[in-house]
Protein backbone atom coordinates (compact mmCIF):
# COMPACT_ATOMS: atom_id res chain seq x y z
CA MET A 1 -0.30 -0.05 -0.02
CA GLN A 2 1.12 3.65 -0.81
CA PHE A 3 0.33 6.70 1.75
CA GLU A 4 0.37 10.12 1.60
CA VAL A 5 0.93 12.18 4.88
CA THR A 6 -2.05 14.56 5.57
CA GLU A 7 -1.04 16.11 8.99
CA TRP A 8 2.49 16.35 10.34
CA LYS A 9 3.53 18.17 13.41
CA GLU A 10 6.93 16.92 14.65
CA ASN A 11 6.59 15.04 18.14
CA GLU A 12 2.66 15.55 18.08
CA LYS A 13 0.75 14.46 15.26
CA LEU A 14 0.95 11.71 12.35
CA ALA A 15 -2.04 11.33 9.68
CA ILE A 16 -1.70 9.30 6.70
CA ARG A 17 -4.36 8.33 4.37
CA MET A 18 -4.02 5.27 1.68
CA ILE A 19 -3.57 6.53 -2.09
CA SER A 20 -3.23 3.10 -3.62
CA GLY A 21 -2.74 -0.54 -3.36
CA GLY A 22 -4.11 -2.83 -0.61
CA SER A 23 -7.59 -4.25 -0.80
CA TYR A 24 -9.54 -1.39 0.88
CA LYS A 25 -11.91 1.29 -0.24
CA SER A 26 -10.35 3.69 1.85
CA TYR A 27 -7.64 3.54 4.64
CA GLU A 28 -6.82 6.15 7.31
CA GLN A 29 -4.83 6.35 10.39
CA HIS A 30 -4.10 9.42 12.99
CA PHE A 31 -1.58 9.35 15.78
CA ALA A 32 -1.12 12.00 18.47
CA VAL A 33 1.10 12.57 21.41
CA GLU A 34 0.30 14.91 24.31
CA PRO A 35 1.81 15.79 27.56
CA ALA A 36 0.18 14.05 30.66
CA PRO A 37 0.90 14.44 34.32
CA SER A 38 2.85 11.15 34.21
CA GLY A 39 4.46 11.74 30.81
CA SER A 40 2.74 11.48 27.62
CA ARG A 41 -0.45 10.34 26.21
CA VAL A 42 -0.70 8.59 22.75
CA SER A 43 -3.83 8.38 21.06
CA PHE A 44 -4.31 6.47 17.95
CA MET A 45 -7.51 6.31 15.34
CA GLU A 46 -7.98 4.03 12.08
CA GLU A 47 -10.37 3.96 9.75
CA ILE A 48 -10.99 1.32 7.07
CA ILE A 49 -13.52 1.09 4.54
CA LEU A 50 -13.95 -2.20 2.75
CA PRO A 51 -15.20 -2.65 -0.42
CA PHE A 52 -18.16 -5.35 -1.60
CA GLY A 53 -20.90 -3.08 0.08
CA VAL A 54 -23.08 -4.67 2.99
CA LEU A 55 -20.92 -7.59 2.93
CA GLY A 56 -17.56 -5.31 3.35
CA LYS A 57 -19.50 -3.88 6.42
CA LEU A 58 -20.09 -7.41 7.78
CA ILE A 59 -16.38 -8.64 7.09
CA GLY A 60 -15.39 -5.17 8.88
CA VAL A 61 -17.11 -5.85 12.04
CA ILE A 62 -15.51 -9.47 12.34
CA ALA A 63 -12.05 -7.94 11.42
CA GLN A 64 -12.36 -5.22 13.73
CA GLY A 65 -11.63 -7.23 16.84
CA MET A 66 -8.53 -8.51 14.95
CA SER A 67 -7.33 -5.25 14.22
CA ASN A 68 -8.29 -3.81 17.78
CA ALA A 69 -5.86 -7.02 19.29
CA SER A 70 -2.97 -5.84 17.03
CA VAL A 71 -3.26 -2.34 17.89
CA ASP A 72 -3.02 -3.41 21.54
CA LYS A 73 -0.02 -5.62 21.14
CA MET A 74 1.46 -2.51 19.35
CA PHE A 75 0.97 -0.20 21.88
CA ALA A 76 1.97 -2.76 24.70
CA LYS A 77 5.61 -2.84 22.65
CA LEU A 78 5.71 1.07 22.43
CA LYS A 79 5.06 1.27 26.24
CA VAL A 80 8.18 -0.97 26.99
CA LEU A 81 10.37 0.74 24.60
CA ALA A 82 9.27 4.24 26.02
CA GLU A 83 10.14 3.08 29.46
CA ALA A 84 13.32 1.79 28.89
């Protein structure tokens, strides 16, 4: 897949949007880092739209659980790295 950066603010924000490739109708991700009393807070948003109309929406509901599990693992690894 190929992406373009739609928003960038060093050490604060990154947003990307798929421009080609993959089997998605559209794919976007947004990351933000902001100060918090205990260090930093990282937020993440992912929006995936699948093709195939209603069938794509049903597949998306099922796939969301797998995606959430991957994101949880990603942030657990990031936390370990940041605290090292």
